[in-house]
PDB file of N, CA and C in Angstrom:
ATOM      1  N   MET A   1       5.413 -22.177   8.148  1.00  0.00           N
ATOM      2  CA  MET A   1       4.632 -21.180   7.445  1.00  0.00           C
ATOM      3  C   MET A   1       3.722 -20.478   8.442  1.00  0.00           C
ATOM      4  N   ALA A   2       3.484 -19.227   8.242  1.00  0.00           N
ATOM      5  CA  ALA A   2       2.660 -18.427   9.140  1.00  0.00           C
ATOM      6  C   ALA A   2       1.192 -18.844   9.036  1.00  0.00           C
ATOM      7  N   ALA A   3       0.475 -18.683  10.148  1.00  0.00           N
ATOM      8  CA  ALA A   3      -0.946 -19.002  10.177  1.00  0.00           C
ATOM      9  C   ALA A   3      -1.738 -17.761   9.821  1.00  0.00           C
ATOM     10  N   HIS A   4      -2.526 -17.836   8.765  1.00  0.00           N
ATOM     11  CA  HIS A   4      -3.310 -16.693   8.301  1.00  0.00           C
ATOM     12  C   HIS A   4      -4.750 -17.130   8.089  1.00  0.00           C
ATOM     13  N   PRO A   5      -5.668 -16.784   9.001  1.00  0.00           N
ATOM     14  CA  PRO A   5      -7.049 -17.203   8.820  1.00  0.00           C
ATOM     15  C   PRO A   5      -7.743 -16.514   7.655  1.00  0.00           C
ATOM     16  N   ASP A   6      -7.283 -15.356   7.260  1.00  0.00           N
ATOM     17  CA  ASP A   6      -7.906 -14.615   6.164  1.00  0.00           C
ATOM     18  C   ASP A   6      -7.184 -14.976   4.870  1.00  0.00           C
ATOM     19  N   PRO A   7      -7.847 -15.693   3.945  1.00  0.00           N
ATOM     20  CA  PRO A   7      -7.163 -16.107   2.709  1.00  0.00           C
ATOM     21  C   PRO A   7      -6.756 -14.941   1.829  1.00  0.00           C
ATOM     22  N   GLY A   8      -7.262 -13.743   2.093  1.00  0.00           N
ATOM     23  CA  GLY A   8      -6.884 -12.576   1.316  1.00  0.00           C
ATOM     24  C   GLY A   8      -5.548 -11.993   1.737  1.00  0.00           C
ATOM     25  N   LEU A   9      -5.003 -12.453   2.873  1.00  0.00           N
ATOM     26  CA  LEU A   9      -3.713 -11.955   3.345  1.00  0.00           C
ATOM     27  C   LEU A   9      -2.614 -12.884   2.860  1.00  0.00           C
ATOM     28  N   PRO A  10      -1.479 -12.322   2.471  1.00  0.00           N
ATOM     29  CA  PRO A  10      -0.387 -13.157   1.963  1.00  0.00           C
ATOM     30  C   PRO A  10       0.234 -13.990   3.073  1.00  0.00           C
ATOM     31  N   THR A  11       0.769 -15.147   2.706  1.00  0.00           N
ATOM     32  CA  THR A  11       1.440 -16.006   3.676  1.00  0.00           C
ATOM     33  C   THR A  11       2.948 -15.916   3.550  1.00  0.00           C
ATOM     34  N   THR A  12       3.439 -15.381   2.449  1.00  0.00           N
ATOM     35  CA  THR A  12       4.868 -15.196   2.281  1.00  0.00           C
ATOM     36  C   THR A  12       5.091 -13.931   1.483  1.00  0.00           C
ATOM     37  N   GLY A  13       6.353 -13.594   1.299  1.00  0.00           N
ATOM     38  CA  GLY A  13       6.666 -12.405   0.512  1.00  0.00           C
ATOM     39  C   GLY A  13       6.962 -11.234   1.415  1.00  0.00           C
ATOM     40  N   PRO A  14       7.156 -10.050   0.830  1.00  0.00           N
ATOM     41  CA  PRO A  14       7.605  -8.903   1.605  1.00  0.00           C
ATOM     42  C   PRO A  14       6.603  -8.457   2.661  1.00  0.00           C
ATOM     43  N   SER A  15       5.308  -8.746   2.480  1.00  0.00           N
ATOM     44  CA  SER A  15       4.340  -8.291   3.462  1.00  0.00           C
ATOM     45  C   SER A  15       4.271  -9.205   4.683  1.00  0.00           C
ATOM     46  N   CYS A  16       4.747 -10.416   4.578  1.00  0.00           N
ATOM     47  CA  CYS A  16       4.769 -11.337   5.715  1.00  0.00           C
ATOM     48  C   CYS A  16       6.042 -12.170   5.641  1.00  0.00           C
ATOM     49  N   PRO A  17       7.000 -11.904   6.520  1.00  0.00           N
ATOM     50  CA  PRO A  17       8.266 -12.649   6.461  1.00  0.00           C
ATOM     51  C   PRO A  17       8.062 -14.132   6.763  1.00  0.00           C
ATOM     52  N   ALA A  18       8.943 -14.953   6.229  1.00  0.00           N
ATOM     53  CA  ALA A  18       8.840 -16.403   6.387  1.00  0.00           C
ATOM     54  C   ALA A  18       8.848 -16.831   7.851  1.00  0.00           C
ATOM     55  N   TRP A  19       9.468 -16.037   8.731  1.00  0.00           N
ATOM     56  CA  TRP A  19       9.555 -16.411  10.150  1.00  0.00           C
ATOM     57  C   TRP A  19       8.309 -16.044  10.947  1.00  0.00           C
ATOM     58  N   CYS A  20       7.356 -15.358  10.340  1.00  0.00           N
ATOM     59  CA  CYS A  20       6.165 -14.877  11.052  1.00  0.00           C
ATOM     60  C   CYS A  20       5.280 -16.039  11.494  1.00  0.00           C
ATOM     61  N   ARG A  21       4.866 -16.001  12.756  1.00  0.00           N
ATOM     62  CA  ARG A  21       3.961 -17.010  13.313  1.00  0.00           C
ATOM     63  C   ARG A  21       2.684 -16.375  13.856  1.00  0.00           C
ATOM     64  N   HIS A  22       2.450 -15.121  13.523  1.00  0.00           N
ATOM     65  CA  HIS A  22       1.276 -14.388  14.003  1.00  0.00           C
ATOM     66  C   HIS A  22       0.080 -14.685  13.110  1.00  0.00           C
ATOM     67  N   ALA A  23      -1.056 -14.954  13.700  1.00  0.00           N
ATOM     68  CA  ALA A  23      -2.290 -15.186  12.936  1.00  0.00           C
ATOM     69  C   ALA A  23      -2.894 -13.826  12.589  1.00  0.00           C
ATOM     70  N   HIS A  24      -2.733 -13.405  11.354  1.00  0.00           N
ATOM     71  CA  HIS A  24      -3.226 -12.106  10.915  1.00  0.00           C
ATOM     72  C   HIS A  24      -4.707 -12.186  10.543  1.00  0.00           C
ATOM     73  N   ALA A  25      -5.424 -11.089  10.773  1.00  0.00           N
ATOM     74  CA  ALA A  25      -6.822 -10.987  10.361  1.00  0.00           C
ATOM     75  C   ALA A  25      -7.067  -9.567   9.875  1.00  0.00           C
ATOM     76  N   ALA A  26      -7.962  -9.418   8.927  1.00  0.00           N
ATOM     77  CA  ALA A  26      -8.242  -8.101   8.355  1.00  0.00           C
ATOM     78  C   ALA A  26      -8.758  -7.115   9.398  1.00  0.00           C
ATOM     79  N   ASP A  27      -9.400  -7.618  10.447  1.00  0.00           N
ATOM     80  CA  ASP A  27      -9.959  -6.726  11.472  1.00  0.00           C
ATOM     81  C   ASP A  27      -9.041  -6.557  12.688  1.00  0.00           C
ATOM     82  N   ASP A  28      -7.772  -6.903  12.563  1.00  0.00           N
ATOM     83  CA  ASP A  28      -6.820  -6.686  13.665  1.00  0.00           C
ATOM     84  C   ASP A  28      -6.802  -5.214  14.060  1.00  0.00           C
ATOM     85  N   HIS A  29      -6.735  -4.957  15.349  1.00  0.00           N
ATOM     86  CA  HIS A  29      -6.576  -3.584  15.842  1.00  0.00           C
ATOM     87  C   HIS A  29      -5.243  -3.057  15.312  1.00  0.00           C
ATOM     88  N   PRO A  30      -5.142  -1.777  14.971  1.00  0.00           N
ATOM     89  CA  PRO A  30      -3.876  -1.230  14.445  1.00  0.00           C
ATOM     90  C   PRO A  30      -2.657  -1.519  15.329  1.00  0.00           C
ATOM     91  N   ASP A  31      -2.834  -1.547  16.645  1.00  0.00           N
ATOM     92  CA  ASP A  31      -1.710  -1.842  17.544  1.00  0.00           C
ATOM     93  C   ASP A  31      -1.270  -3.305  17.483  1.00  0.00           C
ATOM     94  N   ASP A  32      -2.111  -4.158  16.929  1.00  0.00           N
ATOM     95  CA  ASP A  32      -1.811  -5.590  16.851  1.00  0.00           C
ATOM     96  C   ASP A  32      -1.336  -6.015  15.466  1.00  0.00           C
ATOM     97  N   ARG A  33      -1.107  -5.052  14.597  1.00  0.00           N
ATOM     98  CA  ARG A  33      -0.685  -5.373  13.233  1.00  0.00           C
ATOM     99  C   ARG A  33       0.836  -5.468  13.171  1.00  0.00           C
ATOM    100  N   HIS A  34       1.312  -6.641  13.524  1.00  0.00           N
ATOM    101  CA  HIS A  34       2.753  -6.879  13.503  1.00  0.00           C
ATOM    102  C   HIS A  34       3.017  -8.353  13.214  1.00  0.00           C
ATOM    103  N   HIS A  35       4.227  -8.608  12.800  1.00  0.00           N
ATOM    104  CA  HIS A  35       4.698  -9.974  12.593  1.00  0.00           C
ATOM    105  C   HIS A  35       5.533 -10.333  13.816  1.00  0.00           C
ATOM    106  N   HIS A  36       5.463 -11.576  14.247  1.00  0.00           N
ATOM    107  CA  HIS A  36       6.397 -12.029  15.279  1.00  0.00           C
ATOM    108  C   HIS A  36       6.746 -13.484  15.058  1.00  0.00           C
ATOM    109  N   SER A  37       7.963 -13.796  15.430  1.00  0.00           N
ATOM    110  CA  SER A  37       8.467 -15.152  15.248  1.00  0.00           C
ATOM    111  C   SER A  37       8.004 -16.043  16.394  1.00  0.00           C
ATOM    112  N   ARG A  38       8.375 -17.285  16.296  1.00  0.00           N
ATOM    113  CA  ARG A  38       8.182 -18.222  17.397  1.00  0.00           C
ATOM    114  C   ARG A  38       9.003 -17.708  18.571  1.00  0.00           C
ATOM    115  N   VAL A  39       8.490 -17.868  19.772  1.00  0.00           N
ATOM    116  CA  VAL A  39       9.192 -17.422  20.979  1.00  0.00           C
ATOM    117  C   VAL A  39      10.154 -18.517  21.425  1.00  0.00           C
ATOM    118  N   HIS A  40      11.373 -18.100  21.727  1.00  0.00           N
ATOM    119  CA  HIS A  40      12.373 -18.997  22.308  1.00  0.00           C
ATOM    120  C   HIS A  40      12.549 -18.575  23.761  1.00  0.00           C
ATOM    121  N   VAL A  41      12.419 -19.526  24.679  1.00  0.00           N
ATOM    122  CA  VAL A  41      12.593 -19.225  26.095  1.00  0.00           C
ATOM    123  C   VAL A  41      14.006 -19.638  26.496  1.00  0.00           C
ATOM    124  N   VAL A  42      14.709 -18.713  27.142  1.00  0.00           N
ATOM    125  CA  VAL A  42      16.095 -18.937  27.528  1.00  0.00           C
ATOM    126  C   VAL A  42      16.229 -18.680  29.030  1.00  0.00           C
ATOM    127  N   ALA A  43      16.880 -19.599  29.726  1.00  0.00           N
ATOM    128  CA  ALA A  43      17.136 -19.427  31.156  1.00  0.00           C
ATOM    129  C   ALA A  43      18.439 -18.643  31.333  1.00  0.00           C
ATOM    130  N   LEU A  44      18.377 -17.563  32.107  1.00  0.00           N
ATOM    131  CA  LEU A  44      19.535 -16.717  32.363  1.00  0.00           C
ATOM    132  C   LEU A  44      19.731 -16.531  33.868  1.00  0.00           C
ATOM    133  N   VAL A  45      20.873 -16.006  34.226  1.00  0.00           N
ATOM    134  CA  VAL A  45      21.125 -15.564  35.593  1.00  0.00           C
ATOM    135  C   VAL A  45      21.432 -14.079  35.503  1.00  0.00           C
ATOM    136  N   THR A  46      20.683 -13.268  36.247  1.00  0.00           N
ATOM    137  CA  THR A  46      20.881 -11.823  36.223  1.00  0.00           C
ATOM    138  C   THR A  46      21.423 -11.355  37.561  1.00  0.00           C
ATOM    139  N   GLY A  47      22.052 -10.202  37.533  1.00  0.00           N
ATOM    140  CA  GLY A  47      22.580  -9.629  38.766  1.00  0.00           C
ATOM    141  C   GLY A  47      23.034  -8.209  38.539  1.00  0.00           C
ATOM    142  N   ARG A  48      23.528  -7.627  39.612  1.00  0.00           N
ATOM    143  CA  ARG A  48      24.085  -6.271  39.560  1.00  0.00           C
ATOM    144  C   ARG A  48      25.471  -6.341  40.211  1.00  0.00           C
ATOM    145  N   PRO A  49      26.448  -6.891  39.483  1.00  0.00           N
ATOM    146  CA  PRO A  49      27.749  -7.188  40.079  1.00  0.00           C
ATOM    147  C   PRO A  49      28.541  -5.970  40.543  1.00  0.00           C
ATOM    148  N   THR A  50      28.236  -4.798  40.044  1.00  0.00           N
ATOM    149  CA  THR A  50      28.948  -3.605  40.523  1.00  0.00           C
ATOM    150  C   THR A  50      28.327  -3.062  41.800  1.00  0.00           C
ATOM    151  N   LEU A  51      27.125  -3.531  42.143  1.00  0.00           N
ATOM    152  CA  LEU A  51      26.416  -3.033  43.324  1.00  0.00           C
ATOM    153  C   LEU A  51      26.177  -4.092  44.392  1.00  0.00           C
ATOM    154  N   GLU A  52      26.126  -5.368  43.977  1.00  0.00           N
ATOM    155  CA  GLU A  52      25.778  -6.435  44.908  1.00  0.00           C
ATOM    156  C   GLU A  52      26.725  -7.611  44.730  1.00  0.00           C
ATOM    157  N   THR A  53      26.821  -8.427  45.780  1.00  0.00           N
ATOM    158  CA  THR A  53      27.657  -9.627  45.697  1.00  0.00           C
ATOM    159  C   THR A  53      26.977 -10.673  44.821  1.00  0.00           C
ATOM    160  N   ASP A  54      27.759 -11.655  44.394  1.00  0.00           N
ATOM    161  CA  ASP A  54      27.257 -12.683  43.478  1.00  0.00           C
ATOM    162  C   ASP A  54      26.094 -13.483  44.051  1.00  0.00           C
ATOM    163  N   ASP A  55      26.007 -13.582  45.382  1.00  0.00           N
ATOM    164  CA  ASP A  55      24.913 -14.364  45.964  1.00  0.00           C
ATOM    165  C   ASP A  55      23.552 -13.687  45.801  1.00  0.00           C
ATOM    166  N   HIS A  56      23.521 -12.472  45.269  1.00  0.00           N
ATOM    167  CA  HIS A  56      22.254 -11.799  44.970  1.00  0.00           C
ATOM    168  C   HIS A  56      21.774 -12.074  43.540  1.00  0.00           C
ATOM    169  N   ALA A  57      22.560 -12.821  42.778  1.00  0.00           N
ATOM    170  CA  ALA A  57      22.167 -13.159  41.409  1.00  0.00           C
ATOM    171  C   ALA A  57      20.877 -13.980  41.434  1.00  0.00           C
ATOM    172  N   GLU A  58      20.055 -13.782  40.399  1.00  0.00           N
ATOM    173  CA  GLU A  58      18.757 -14.462  40.338  1.00  0.00           C
ATOM    174  C   GLU A  58      18.543 -15.126  38.984  1.00  0.00           C
ATOM    175  N   PRO A  59      17.951 -16.326  38.999  1.00  0.00           N
ATOM    176  CA  PRO A  59      17.583 -16.940  37.721  1.00  0.00           C
ATOM    177  C   PRO A  59      16.350 -16.243  37.154  1.00  0.00           C
ATOM    178  N   VAL A  60      16.304 -16.133  35.844  1.00  0.00           N
ATOM    179  CA  VAL A  60      15.153 -15.533  35.175  1.00  0.00           C
ATOM    180  C   VAL A  60      15.004 -16.185  33.799  1.00  0.00           C
ATOM    181  N   SER A  61      13.772 -16.420  33.396  1.00  0.00           N
ATOM    182  CA  SER A  61      13.494 -16.923  32.048  1.00  0.00           C
ATOM    183  C   SER A  61      13.123 -15.735  31.181  1.00  0.00           C
ATOM    184  N   VAL A  62      13.726 -15.671  29.999  1.00  0.00           N
ATOM    185  CA  VAL A  62      13.399 -14.599  29.069  1.00  0.00           C
ATOM    186  C   VAL A  62      12.797 -15.191  27.804  1.00  0.00           C
ATOM    187  N   ALA A  63      11.917 -14.408  27.202  1.00  0.00           N
ATOM    188  CA  ALA A  63      11.323 -14.761  25.915  1.00  0.00           C
ATOM    189  C   ALA A  63      12.050 -13.949  24.848  1.00  0.00           C
ATOM    190  N   VAL A  64      12.510 -14.626  23.810  1.00  0.00           N
ATOM    191  CA  VAL A  64      13.249 -13.982  22.728  1.00  0.00           C
ATOM    192  C   VAL A  64      12.479 -14.223  21.432  1.00  0.00           C
ATOM    193  N   ARG A  65      12.220 -13.150  20.695  1.00  0.00           N
ATOM    194  CA  ARG A  65      11.513 -13.283  19.426  1.00  0.00           C
ATOM    195  C   ARG A  65      11.852 -12.115  18.506  1.00  0.00           C
ATOM    196  N   LEU A  66      11.560 -12.313  17.221  1.00  0.00           N
ATOM    197  CA  LEU A  66      11.650 -11.243  16.233  1.00  0.00           C
ATOM    198  C   LEU A  66      10.287 -10.581  16.124  1.00  0.00           C
ATOM    199  N   VAL A  67      10.282  -9.269  15.926  1.00  0.00           N
ATOM    200  CA  VAL A  67       9.042  -8.519  15.785  1.00  0.00           C
ATOM    201  C   VAL A  67       9.226  -7.502  14.662  1.00  0.00           C
ATOM    202  N   ARG A  68       8.178  -7.329  13.863  1.00  0.00           N
ATOM    203  CA  ARG A  68       8.185  -6.290  12.819  1.00  0.00           C
ATOM    204  C   ARG A  68       6.759  -5.811  12.609  1.00  0.00           C
ATOM    205  N   ARG A  69       6.570  -4.501  12.631  1.00  0.00           N
ATOM    206  CA  ARG A  69       5.248  -3.945  12.319  1.00  0.00           C
ATOM    207  C   ARG A  69       4.944  -4.228  10.855  1.00  0.00           C
ATOM    208  N   VAL A  70       3.683  -4.433  10.527  1.00  0.00           N
ATOM    209  CA  VAL A  70       3.335  -4.752   9.139  1.00  0.00           C
ATOM    210  C   VAL A  70       3.593  -3.592   8.194  1.00  0.00           C
ATOM    211  N   ASP A  71       3.655  -2.371   8.710  1.00  0.00           N
ATOM    212  CA  ASP A  71       3.903  -1.198   7.867  1.00  0.00           C
ATOM    213  C   ASP A  71       5.369  -0.773   7.873  1.00  0.00           C
ATOM    214  N   SER A  72       6.266  -1.691   8.263  1.00  0.00           N
ATOM    215  CA  SER A  72       7.680  -1.363   8.375  1.00  0.00           C
ATOM    216  C   SER A  72       8.540  -2.474   7.791  1.00  0.00           C
ATOM    217  N   ALA A  73       9.741  -2.110   7.372  1.00  0.00           N
ATOM    218  CA  ALA A  73      10.719  -3.100   6.914  1.00  0.00           C
ATOM    219  C   ALA A  73      11.744  -3.398   8.001  1.00  0.00           C
ATOM    220  N   LEU A  74      11.624  -2.727   9.156  1.00  0.00           N
ATOM    221  CA  LEU A  74      12.594  -2.848  10.239  1.00  0.00           C
ATOM    222  C   LEU A  74      12.231  -4.007  11.166  1.00  0.00           C
ATOM    223  N   THR A  75      13.154  -4.946  11.319  1.00  0.00           N
ATOM    224  CA  THR A  75      12.954  -6.090  12.206  1.00  0.00           C
ATOM    225  C   THR A  75      13.649  -5.825  13.536  1.00  0.00           C
ATOM    226  N   TRP A  76      12.954  -6.163  14.610  1.00  0.00           N
ATOM    227  CA  TRP A  76      13.453  -5.958  15.965  1.00  0.00           C
ATOM    228  C   TRP A  76      13.666  -7.303  16.652  1.00  0.00           C
ATOM    229  N   VAL A  77      14.620  -7.336  17.574  1.00  0.00           N
ATOM    230  CA  VAL A  77      14.827  -8.491  18.438  1.00  0.00           C
ATOM    231  C   VAL A  77      14.364  -8.070  19.824  1.00  0.00           C
ATOM    232  N   GLU A  78      13.445  -8.841  20.362  1.00  0.00           N
ATOM    233  CA  GLU A  78      12.860  -8.538  21.665  1.00  0.00           C
ATOM    234  C   GLU A  78      13.293  -9.613  22.661  1.00  0.00           C
ATOM    235  N   VAL A  79      13.901  -9.186  23.759  1.00  0.00           N
ATOM    236  CA  VAL A  79      14.318 -10.078  24.842  1.00  0.00           C
ATOM    237  C   VAL A  79      13.701  -9.521  26.115  1.00  0.00           C
ATOM    238  N   VAL A  80      12.693 -10.213  26.655  1.00  0.00           N
ATOM    239  CA  VAL A  80      11.994  -9.704  27.834  1.00  0.00           C
ATOM    240  C   VAL A  80      11.757 -10.830  28.834  1.00  0.00           C
ATOM    241  N   SER A  81      11.782 -10.469  30.115  1.00  0.00           N
ATOM    242  CA  SER A  81      11.483 -11.430  31.168  1.00  0.00           C
ATOM    243  C   SER A  81      10.084 -11.984  30.965  1.00  0.00           C
ATOM    244  N   GLU A  82       9.934 -13.281  31.229  1.00  0.00           N
ATOM    245  CA  GLU A  82       8.594 -13.859  31.167  1.00  0.00           C
ATOM    246  C   GLU A  82       7.733 -13.305  32.303  1.00  0.00           C
ATOM    247  N   GLU A  83       8.361 -13.039  33.425  1.00  0.00           N
ATOM    248  CA  GLU A  83       7.660 -12.464  34.574  1.00  0.00           C
ATOM    249  C   GLU A  83       8.539 -11.388  35.186  1.00  0.00           C
ATOM    250  N   GLY A  84       7.958 -10.260  35.495  1.00  0.00           N
ATOM    251  CA  GLY A  84       8.707  -9.194  36.150  1.00  0.00           C
ATOM    252  C   GLY A  84       9.521  -8.363  35.188  1.00  0.00           C
ATOM    253  N   PRO A  85      10.114  -7.312  35.725  1.00  0.00           N
ATOM    254  CA  PRO A  85      10.840  -6.348  34.886  1.00  0.00           C
ATOM    255  C   PRO A  85      12.355  -6.546  34.836  1.00  0.00           C
ATOM    256  N   GLN A  86      12.875  -7.694  35.263  1.00  0.00           N
ATOM    257  CA  GLN A  86      14.330  -7.863  35.354  1.00  0.00           C
ATOM    258  C   GLN A  86      15.052  -7.614  34.039  1.00  0.00           C
ATOM    259  N   VAL A  87      14.507  -8.126  32.950  1.00  0.00           N
ATOM    260  CA  VAL A  87      15.196  -8.021  31.660  1.00  0.00           C
ATOM    261  C   VAL A  87      14.238  -7.440  30.625  1.00  0.00           C
ATOM    262  N   ARG A  88      14.700  -6.413  29.936  1.00  0.00           N
ATOM    263  CA  ARG A  88      13.953  -5.862  28.795  1.00  0.00           C
ATOM    264  C   ARG A  88      14.964  -5.239  27.846  1.00  0.00           C
ATOM    265  N   LEU A  89      15.122  -5.883  26.706  1.00  0.00           N
ATOM    266  CA  LEU A  89      16.015  -5.382  25.671  1.00  0.00           C
ATOM    267  C   LEU A  89      15.287  -5.531  24.344  1.00  0.00           C
ATOM    268  N   VAL A  90      15.052  -4.423  23.683  1.00  0.00           N
ATOM    269  CA  VAL A  90      14.415  -4.431  22.367  1.00  0.00           C
ATOM    270  C   VAL A  90      15.288  -3.578  21.457  1.00  0.00           C
ATOM    271  N   VAL A  91      15.939  -4.247  20.498  1.00  0.00           N
ATOM    272  CA  VAL A  91      16.871  -3.567  19.593  1.00  0.00           C
ATOM    273  C   VAL A  91      16.613  -4.026  18.164  1.00  0.00           C
ATOM    274  N   THR A  92      17.061  -3.228  17.214  1.00  0.00           N
ATOM    275  CA  THR A  92      16.927  -3.637  15.822  1.00  0.00           C
ATOM    276  C   THR A  92      17.761  -4.896  15.578  1.00  0.00           C
ATOM    277  N   ALA A  93      17.403  -5.627  14.539  1.00  0.00           N
ATOM    278  CA  ALA A  93      18.154  -6.831  14.200  1.00  0.00           C
ATOM    279  C   ALA A  93      19.624  -6.493  13.927  1.00  0.00           C
ATOM    280  N   GLU A  94      19.862  -5.364  13.267  1.00  0.00           N
ATOM    281  CA  GLU A  94      21.239  -4.932  13.004  1.00  0.00           C
ATOM    282  C   GLU A  94      21.983  -4.655  14.310  1.00  0.00           C
ATOM    283  N   SER A  95      21.333  -3.983  15.245  1.00  0.00           N
ATOM    284  CA  SER A  95      21.948  -3.712  16.547  1.00  0.00           C
ATOM    285  C   SER A  95      22.206  -5.007  17.306  1.00  0.00           C
ATOM    286  N   ALA A  96      21.272  -5.950  17.210  1.00  0.00           N
ATOM    287  CA  ALA A  96      21.457  -7.245  17.877  1.00  0.00           C
ATOM    288  C   ALA A  96      22.680  -7.966  17.317  1.00  0.00           C
ATOM    289  N   GLN A  97      22.890  -7.855  16.007  1.00  0.00           N
ATOM    290  CA  GLN A  97      24.062  -8.481  15.389  1.00  0.00           C
ATOM    291  C   GLN A  97      25.349  -7.842  15.909  1.00  0.00           C
ATOM    292  N   HIS A  98      25.356  -6.508  16.038  1.00  0.00           N
ATOM    293  CA  HIS A  98      26.523  -5.819  16.597  1.00  0.00           C
ATOM    294  C   HIS A  98      26.767  -6.249  18.047  1.00  0.00           C
ATOM    295  N   LEU A  99      25.694  -6.357  18.812  1.00  0.00           N
ATOM    296  CA  LEU A  99      25.805  -6.784  20.208  1.00  0.00           C
ATOM    297  C   LEU A  99      26.339  -8.206  20.301  1.00  0.00           C
ATOM    298  N   LEU A 100      25.818  -9.084  19.465  1.00  0.00           N
ATOM    299  CA  LEU A 100      26.276 -10.476  19.443  1.00  0.00           C
ATOM    300  C   LEU A 100      27.768 -10.555  19.132  1.00  0.00           C
ATOM    301  N   THR A 101      28.216  -9.795  18.152  1.00  0.00           N
ATOM    302  CA  THR A 101      29.633  -9.772  17.792  1.00  0.00           C
ATOM    303  C   THR A 101      30.480  -9.265  18.950  1.00  0.00           C
ATOM    304  N   THR A 102      30.049  -8.181  19.582  1.00  0.00           N
ATOM    305  CA  THR A 102      30.809  -7.597  20.688  1.00  0.00           C
ATOM    306  C   THR A 102      30.875  -8.540  21.876  1.00  0.00           C
ATOM    307  N   VAL A 103      29.755  -9.162  22.223  1.00  0.00           N
ATOM    308  CA  VAL A 103      29.752 -10.119  23.337  1.00  0.00           C
ATOM    309  C   VAL A 103      30.658 -11.299  23.009  1.00  0.00           C
ATOM    310  N   GLY A 104      30.636 -11.752  21.769  1.00  0.00           N
ATOM    311  CA  GLY A 104      31.518 -12.847  21.365  1.00  0.00           C
ATOM    312  C   GLY A 104      32.986 -12.494  21.550  1.00  0.00           C
ATOM    313  N   VAL A 105      33.362 -11.274  21.169  1.00  0.00           N
ATOM    314  CA  VAL A 105      34.744 -10.813  21.342  1.00  0.00           C
ATOM    315  C   VAL A 105      35.101 -10.743  22.829  1.00  0.00           C
ATOM    316  N   LEU A 106      34.218 -10.159  23.619  1.00  0.00           N
ATOM    317  CA  LEU A 106      34.477 -10.052  25.064  1.00  0.00           C
ATOM    318  C   LEU A 106      34.647 -11.425  25.705  1.00  0.00           C
ATOM    319  N   LEU A 107      33.767 -12.358  25.358  1.00  0.00           N
ATOM    320  CA  LEU A 107      33.858 -13.697  25.933  1.00  0.00           C
ATOM    321  C   LEU A 107      35.106 -14.430  25.460  1.00  0.00           C
ATOM    322  N   ALA A 108      35.475 -14.274  24.196  1.00  0.00           N
ATOM    323  CA  ALA A 108      36.675 -14.907  23.677  1.00  0.00           C
ATOM    324  C   ALA A 108      37.920 -14.417  24.405  1.00  0.00           C
ATOM    325  N   HIS A 109      37.966 -13.098  24.699  1.00  0.00           N
ATOM    326  CA  HIS A 109      39.102 -12.537  25.412  1.00  0.00           C
ATOM    327  C   HIS A 109      39.117 -12.946  26.871  1.00  0.00           C
ATOM    328  N   SER A 110      37.946 -13.118  27.476  1.00  0.00           N
ATOM    329  CA  SER A 110      37.890 -13.485  28.891  1.00  0.00           C
ATOM    330  C   SER A 110      38.233 -14.940  29.119  1.00  0.00           C
ATOM    331  N   LEU A 111      38.106 -15.768  28.090  1.00  0.00           N
ATOM    332  CA  LEU A 111      38.385 -17.185  28.219  1.00  0.00           C
ATOM    333  C   LEU A 111      39.813 -17.533  27.827  1.00  0.00           C
ATOM    334  N   SER A 112      40.548 -16.563  27.312  1.00  0.00           N
ATOM    335  CA  SER A 112      41.916 -16.871  26.873  1.00  0.00           C
ATOM    336  C   SER A 112      42.943 -16.485  27.916  1.00  0.00           C
TER     337      SER A 112
END
């Protein structure tokens, strides 16, 4: 359940999704009025295989979470490097689902 210090703010329902872990307050700055899920940290290896050899690949940790502005019904998936600019992907949840499906197809074909 989401942490809400202000008892006047809802903890569930359309105004606060069940996955929200953001501590909302009535005096939040407008730029900070959003819902976000728990962060999942994933270890990846990044590279530029069309420009550099494989030995230039680098490990990077990315933070993955759901984000939604409180005044919106649109949920976003955010994948960003914990440090540095190596990885930054912010797409709608629907787009993330399309990407997941496409990557699954590509990987299935590459393994067969």
